[in-house]
Structure formats: C-alpha cells, structure tokens
Amino acid sequence: MTPDRSSIEAVVQTYFDGLYEGDADKLAAAFHPSADLRWVDKGELKILTVPD
C-alpha cells in the first residue's frame, strides 16, 4: 500500500469513527481547518465552518 493511500484511509476512518461515535473532535480532525459547508436556504447562502 502506498503512503498516500494509507494516509487517505486513515482520514476516512477517522471521519467514520467520528460519525459513529458522535465525536465532534474526530470529525474536525478529518477536515482542513478552513473547510466549510455551504448551502442555500430560502435564497440565503448559509455557511457552517469546522469550528462551528
């Protein structure tokens, strides 16, 4: 297994563990600190940052 693949699998596992355990810290660790979730609600752009 290549080092890149191992790293990707480790991040994905951390993400799934965080979801399963309801652990916000594990979920946050799976994302870049500047990542955010964006969506439009009733015509207004909403943004949810990792810390939030």
C-alpha atoms as a PDB file:
ATOM      1  CA  MET A   1       0.000   0.000   0.000  1.00  0.00           C
ATOM      2  CA  THR A   2       1.326   3.447  -0.890  1.00  0.00           C
ATOM      3  CA  PRO A   3       1.863   6.089   1.788  1.00  0.00           C
ATOM      4  CA  ASP A   4      -0.745   8.337   0.113  1.00  0.00           C
ATOM      5  CA  ARG A   5      -3.361   5.601   0.210  1.00  0.00           C
ATOM      6  CA  SER A   6      -2.579   4.828   3.853  1.00  0.00           C
ATOM      7  CA  SER A   7      -2.981   8.498   4.754  1.00  0.00           C
ATOM      8  CA  ILE A   8      -6.290   8.768   2.912  1.00  0.00           C
ATOM      9  CA  GLU A   9      -7.630   5.593   4.527  1.00  0.00           C
ATOM     10  CA  ALA A  10      -6.641   6.896   7.969  1.00  0.00           C
ATOM     11  CA  VAL A  11      -8.513  10.175   7.426  1.00  0.00           C
ATOM     12  CA  VAL A  12     -11.611   8.372   6.121  1.00  0.00           C
ATOM     13  CA  GLN A  13     -11.525   6.022   9.127  1.00  0.00           C
ATOM     14  CA  THR A  14     -11.275   8.998  11.489  1.00  0.00           C
ATOM     15  CA  TYR A  15     -14.278  10.559   9.743  1.00  0.00           C
ATOM     16  CA  PHE A  16     -16.391   7.392  10.036  1.00  0.00           C
ATOM     17  CA  ASP A  17     -15.331   6.860  13.666  1.00  0.00           C
ATOM     18  CA  GLY A  18     -16.332  10.454  14.439  1.00  0.00           C
ATOM     19  CA  LEU A  19     -19.741   9.945  12.825  1.00  0.00           C
ATOM     20  CA  TYR A  20     -20.370   6.625  14.574  1.00  0.00           C
ATOM     21  CA  GLU A  21     -19.225   7.878  17.981  1.00  0.00           C
ATOM     22  CA  GLY A  22     -20.769  11.347  17.655  1.00  0.00           C
ATOM     23  CA  ASP A  23     -17.317  12.792  18.353  1.00  0.00           C
ATOM     24  CA  ALA A  24     -17.032  16.348  17.005  1.00  0.00           C
ATOM     25  CA  ASP A  25     -13.282  16.455  17.655  1.00  0.00           C
ATOM     26  CA  LYS A  26     -12.681  13.379  15.485  1.00  0.00           C
ATOM     27  CA  LEU A  27     -14.878  14.822  12.744  1.00  0.00           C
ATOM     28  CA  ALA A  28     -12.990  18.116  12.876  1.00  0.00           C
ATOM     29  CA  ALA A  29      -9.678  16.244  12.631  1.00  0.00           C
ATOM     30  CA  ALA A  30     -10.795  14.768   9.294  1.00  0.00           C
ATOM     31  CA  PHE A  31     -11.177  18.203   7.682  1.00  0.00           C
ATOM     32  CA  HIS A  32      -8.828  21.058   6.876  1.00  0.00           C
ATOM     33  CA  PRO A  33      -9.284  23.847   9.460  1.00  0.00           C
ATOM     34  CA  SER A  34     -10.567  26.240   6.780  1.00  0.00           C
ATOM     35  CA  ALA A  35     -13.133  23.774   5.385  1.00  0.00           C
ATOM     36  CA  ASP A  36     -16.778  24.771   5.473  1.00  0.00           C
ATOM     37  CA  LEU A  37     -20.205  23.510   4.493  1.00  0.00           C
ATOM     38  CA  ARG A  38     -22.295  25.777   2.265  1.00  0.00           C
ATOM     39  CA  TRP A  39     -25.928  25.607   1.230  1.00  0.00           C
ATOM     40  CA  VAL A  40     -28.762  27.894   0.190  1.00  0.00           C
ATOM     41  CA  ASP A  41     -31.791  28.140   2.466  1.00  0.00           C
ATOM     42  CA  LYS A  42     -34.735  30.220   1.255  1.00  0.00           C
ATOM     43  CA  GLY A  43     -32.458  32.090  -1.140  1.00  0.00           C
ATOM     44  CA  GLU A  44     -29.848  32.883   1.519  1.00  0.00           C
ATOM     45  CA  LEU A  45     -26.328  31.428   1.495  1.00  0.00           C
ATOM     46  CA  LYS A  46     -25.565  29.623   4.760  1.00  0.00           C
ATOM     47  CA  ILE A  47     -22.007  28.741   5.820  1.00  0.00           C
ATOM     48  CA  LEU A  48     -21.015  26.348   8.600  1.00  0.00           C
ATOM     49  CA  THR A  49     -17.308  26.335   9.490  1.00  0.00           C
ATOM     50  CA  VAL A  50     -15.417  23.436  11.065  1.00  0.00           C
ATOM     51  CA  PRO A  51     -15.203  25.133  14.495  1.00  0.00           C
ATOM     52  CA  ASP A  52     -18.944  25.836  14.438  1.00  0.00           C
END
